[in-house]
Protein backbone atom coordinates (compact mmCIF):
# COMPACT_ATOMS: atom_id res chain seq x y z
CA MET A 1 91.30 100.35 94.23
CA ALA A 2 92.11 100.38 90.51
CA ASN A 3 94.77 97.69 90.96
CA THR A 4 92.41 95.49 92.95
CA THR A 5 89.65 95.95 90.37
CA GLY A 6 91.93 94.93 87.53
CA ALA A 7 93.17 91.88 89.43
CA LEU A 8 89.61 90.80 90.24
CA ILE A 9 88.48 91.18 86.64
CA ALA A 10 91.42 89.11 85.37
CA VAL A 11 91.24 86.28 87.93
CA VAL A 12 87.44 85.98 88.03
CA SER A 13 87.38 85.86 84.24
CA VAL A 14 89.77 82.89 84.33
CA ILE A 15 87.51 81.14 86.86
CA VAL A 16 84.46 81.79 84.67
CA VAL A 17 86.23 80.32 81.64
CA GLU A 18 87.21 77.25 83.65
CA PHE A 19 83.68 76.87 84.98
CA VAL A 20 82.08 77.03 81.54
CA SER A 21 84.62 74.62 80.08
CA GLY A 22 84.21 72.18 82.97
CA LEU A 23 80.42 72.43 82.83
CA VAL A 24 80.38 71.55 79.15
CA GLY A 25 82.57 68.53 79.88
CA LEU A 26 80.35 67.54 82.81
CA LEU A 27 77.21 67.68 80.69
CA GLY A 28 78.84 65.60 77.97
CA THR A 29 80.12 62.97 80.38
CA SER A 30 76.79 62.79 82.24
CA LEU A 31 75.15 61.52 79.06
CA VAL A 32 77.19 58.35 79.47
CA VAL A 33 77.89 58.15 83.21
CA HIS A 34 75.56 59.17 86.00
CA PRO A 35 76.88 62.37 87.64
CA PHE A 36 76.71 60.88 91.15
CA THR A 37 78.29 57.55 90.25
CA SER A 38 81.52 57.05 92.16
CA TYR A 39 84.64 56.17 90.21
CA ALA A 40 87.91 55.58 92.06
CA GLY A 41 86.32 56.97 95.22
CA GLU A 42 85.11 60.22 93.60
CA SER A 43 81.87 61.08 91.84
CA LEU A 44 81.61 63.04 88.61
CA ILE A 45 80.30 66.10 90.48
CA GLY A 46 83.14 65.88 92.99
CA SER A 47 85.68 65.67 90.17
CA PHE A 48 84.11 68.74 88.56
CA VAL A 49 84.30 70.76 91.79
CA ARG A 50 87.87 69.69 92.49
CA GLY A 51 89.08 70.37 88.96
CA VAL A 52 87.41 73.78 88.59
CA PHE A 53 87.60 75.30 92.06
CA VAL A 54 89.84 73.36 94.48
CA ALA A 55 92.89 72.34 92.42
CA PRO A 56 93.57 75.70 90.73
CA LEU A 57 92.76 77.75 93.85
CA PRO A 58 96.44 78.34 94.79
CA PHE A 59 97.10 79.63 91.28
CA HIS A 60 94.20 82.07 91.49
CA VAL A 61 95.28 83.34 94.89
CA GLY A 62 98.91 83.80 93.83
CA ALA A 63 97.97 85.51 90.57
CA PHE A 64 95.52 87.83 92.32
CA LEU A 65 98.05 88.90 94.95
CA ALA A 66 100.67 89.51 92.27
CA LEU A 67 98.33 91.57 90.10
CA ALA A 68 96.98 93.55 93.04
CA PHE A 69 100.27 94.44 94.76
CA LEU A 70 103.34 93.52 92.69
CA VAL A 71 102.54 93.85 88.96
CA PRO A 72 99.25 95.77 88.76
CA VAL A 73 97.21 96.20 85.60
CA ALA A 74 97.72 99.96 85.26
CA ARG A 75 95.61 101.54 82.54
CA ARG A 76 98.40 104.00 81.69
CA SER A 77 100.85 101.18 80.92
CA PRO A 78 101.38 100.14 77.29
CA LEU A 79 100.11 96.77 76.14
CA PRO A 80 103.51 94.97 76.02
CA VAL A 81 104.12 95.92 79.66
CA VAL A 82 100.65 94.66 80.61
CA LEU A 83 101.28 91.33 78.85
CA LEU A 84 104.60 90.93 80.63
CA ARG A 85 102.91 91.58 83.97
CA ALA A 86 100.29 88.94 83.13
CA VAL A 87 103.05 86.39 82.48
CA LEU A 88 104.73 87.30 85.77
CA ALA A 89 101.42 86.91 87.59
CA GLY A 90 100.99 83.49 85.97
CA ALA A 91 104.46 82.55 87.15
CA ALA A 92 103.51 83.62 90.67
CA GLY A 93 100.40 81.42 90.50
CA THR A 94 102.48 78.48 89.27
CA ILE A 95 104.90 78.95 92.18
CA ALA A 96 101.91 78.92 94.54
CA LEU A 97 100.84 75.58 93.04
CA ALA A 98 104.37 74.23 93.62
CA LEU A 99 104.35 75.39 97.24
CA VAL A 100 101.08 73.55 97.85
CA GLY A 101 102.54 70.57 95.99
CA ILE A 102 105.36 70.36 98.51
CA VAL A 103 102.82 69.63 101.23
CA THR A 104 100.75 67.17 99.21
CA GLY A 105 103.81 65.47 97.71
CA ALA A 106 105.49 65.06 101.08
CA SER A 107 102.28 63.61 102.48
CA GLY A 108 102.07 61.14 99.58
CA ALA A 109 105.71 60.17 99.97
CA VAL A 110 105.13 59.43 103.65
CA ARG A 111 102.16 57.22 102.82
CA GLY A 112 104.31 55.06 100.57
CA TYR A 113 104.07 56.63 97.10
CA GLY A 114 107.80 57.38 97.08
CA ALA A 115 109.77 60.41 95.96
CA GLY A 116 108.10 60.29 92.56
CA ARG A 117 104.90 61.69 94.04
CA LEU A 118 106.83 64.61 95.48
CA LEU A 119 108.39 65.33 92.07
CA VAL A 120 105.01 65.21 90.37
CA ASP A 121 103.27 67.51 92.85
CA VAL A 122 106.12 70.04 92.99
CA VAL A 123 107.32 70.18 89.36
CA THR A 124 105.27 68.50 86.68
CA ALA A 125 101.72 69.05 87.94
CA PRO A 126 102.17 72.79 88.66
CA ILE A 127 103.71 73.37 85.22
CA GLN A 128 100.99 71.31 83.52
CA SER A 129 98.26 73.36 85.20
CA GLY A 130 100.10 76.69 85.23
CA LEU A 131 100.78 76.96 81.49
CA PRO A 132 97.16 76.98 80.26
CA LEU A 133 96.07 79.08 83.21
CA THR A 134 98.78 81.63 82.41
CA LEU A 135 97.65 81.83 78.79
CA MET A 136 94.08 82.44 79.93
CA LEU A 137 95.36 85.02 82.41
CA VAL A 138 97.13 86.91 79.61
CA ALA A 139 93.84 87.17 77.73
CA THR A 140 91.84 88.21 80.78
CA VAL A 141 94.46 90.77 81.87
CA THR A 142 94.23 92.33 78.41
CA ALA A 143 90.46 92.47 78.78
CA ALA A 144 90.83 94.09 82.20
CA TRP A 145 93.26 96.65 80.75
CA LEU A 146 90.76 97.54 78.04
CA TRP A 147 87.94 97.70 80.59
CA LEU A 148 89.83 100.06 82.88
CA GLY A 149 90.61 102.32 79.96
CA ARG A 150 93.75 101.98 77.88
CA PRO A 151 95.84 105.12 77.33
CA ARG A 152 94.73 107.33 74.48
CA GLY A 153 97.43 108.71 72.22
CA THR A 154 97.49 112.44 71.52
CA THR A 155 97.16 113.52 67.90
CA GLY A 156 98.12 117.17 68.37
CA ARG A 157 101.61 118.52 67.85
CA PRO A 158 103.61 119.85 70.77
CA LEU A 159 103.57 123.56 71.40
CA GLY A 160 106.27 125.49 69.61
CA VAL A 161 106.21 123.26 66.52
CA PRO A 162 104.84 124.77 63.27
CA GLY A 163 101.26 123.74 62.87
CA ALA A 164 100.69 123.29 66.59
CA ALA A 165 97.30 124.22 67.96
CA ARG A 166 96.93 127.56 69.69
CA ARG A 167 96.78 127.45 73.43
CA PRO A 168 93.30 128.17 74.81
CA ASP A 169 94.52 131.20 76.77
CA ALA A 170 96.48 132.71 73.88
CA VAL A 171 95.51 136.26 72.91
CA PRO A 172 94.24 136.49 69.32
CA PRO A 173 95.82 139.04 67.01
CA ALA A 174 94.28 142.49 66.89
CA THR A 175 91.75 143.04 64.11
CA VAL A 176 91.10 146.78 64.78
CA PRO A 177 93.73 149.36 63.71
CA PRO A 178 95.43 151.19 66.57
CA ALA A 179 93.86 154.37 67.85
CA THR A 180 96.89 156.42 66.72
CA MET A 181 96.03 155.75 63.08
CA GLN A 182 93.63 158.66 62.26
CA PRO A 183 92.33 159.60 58.84
CA ALA A 184 94.14 162.44 57.10
CA THR A 185 92.77 165.94 57.66
CA VAL A 186 91.15 167.47 54.58
CA GLN A 187 92.61 170.88 53.74
CA GLN A 188 89.82 173.36 52.91
CA PRO A 189 90.34 175.94 50.15
CA GLY A 190 91.61 179.29 51.32
CA ALA A 191 92.70 178.09 54.67
CA TYR A 192 96.17 178.67 55.89
CA PRO A 193 98.26 175.57 56.23
CA GLN A 194 98.78 174.73 59.82
CA GLN A 195 102.34 173.94 60.66
CA PRO A 196 103.76 172.88 64.00
CA GLY A 197 104.42 175.98 66.06
CA ASP A 198 102.31 178.32 63.89
CA SER A 199 99.45 180.32 65.35
CA TRP A 200 96.10 181.18 63.84
CA PRO A 201 95.89 184.41 61.82
CA GLU A 202 94.75 187.39 63.78
CA ALA A 203 91.55 187.75 61.79
CA GLN A 204 90.67 184.15 62.25
CA GLN A 205 91.35 183.69 65.89
CA PRO A 206 88.70 181.46 67.43
CA GLY A 207 86.19 183.33 69.58
CA ASP A 208 86.50 186.72 67.65
CA PRO A 209 83.78 186.65 64.97
CA TRP A 210 83.53 190.52 64.66
CA ALA A 211 87.16 191.18 63.84
CA PRO A 212 87.67 193.33 60.68
CA PRO A 213 89.00 191.55 57.67
CA ARG A 214 92.74 191.55 57.23
CA ARG A 215 94.13 193.73 54.38
């Protein structure tokens, strides 16, 4: 779905650019020539429709198929790779124009235009139309790449490098002293020092408050 969306954005954008450019030319020419006046068997409106929609249709189809299935506009790809894929898609569209030119050129050669018509429809005309269309496709593919969301670079350092950010699940250092660290016992005056293994004096055994004083 993402590949198809990117291909549609790129190809439709090229068609929109062609339509706006052709419409401006049509409006300018209609100030001098009536739009429905026939010239060489074709009216100004017919020439506009053929030049904008019919003639470049093989290029659009070939470029769309290439962008959708062969060289997709992946948002995780870097910009140089995306530009190269746009050029390859333009080449695929130009080849599609040449394939259609084989049919039209052969038909013209049969009708008496000679082999020159076949050369024009297969080689020169596809290249003449494919070059500007490819340049427009490069711009529209870049716009589609930006629309889909270009890859964002990470600013943080990798883990294990000094200055790296702490992992979210890392345990913070202890701020409370351990329970084994107890304050020192205050020795009261007159009391016997208590040593390990010593017992309480007989007169001061706990639980015998009426014992006579020791002499």
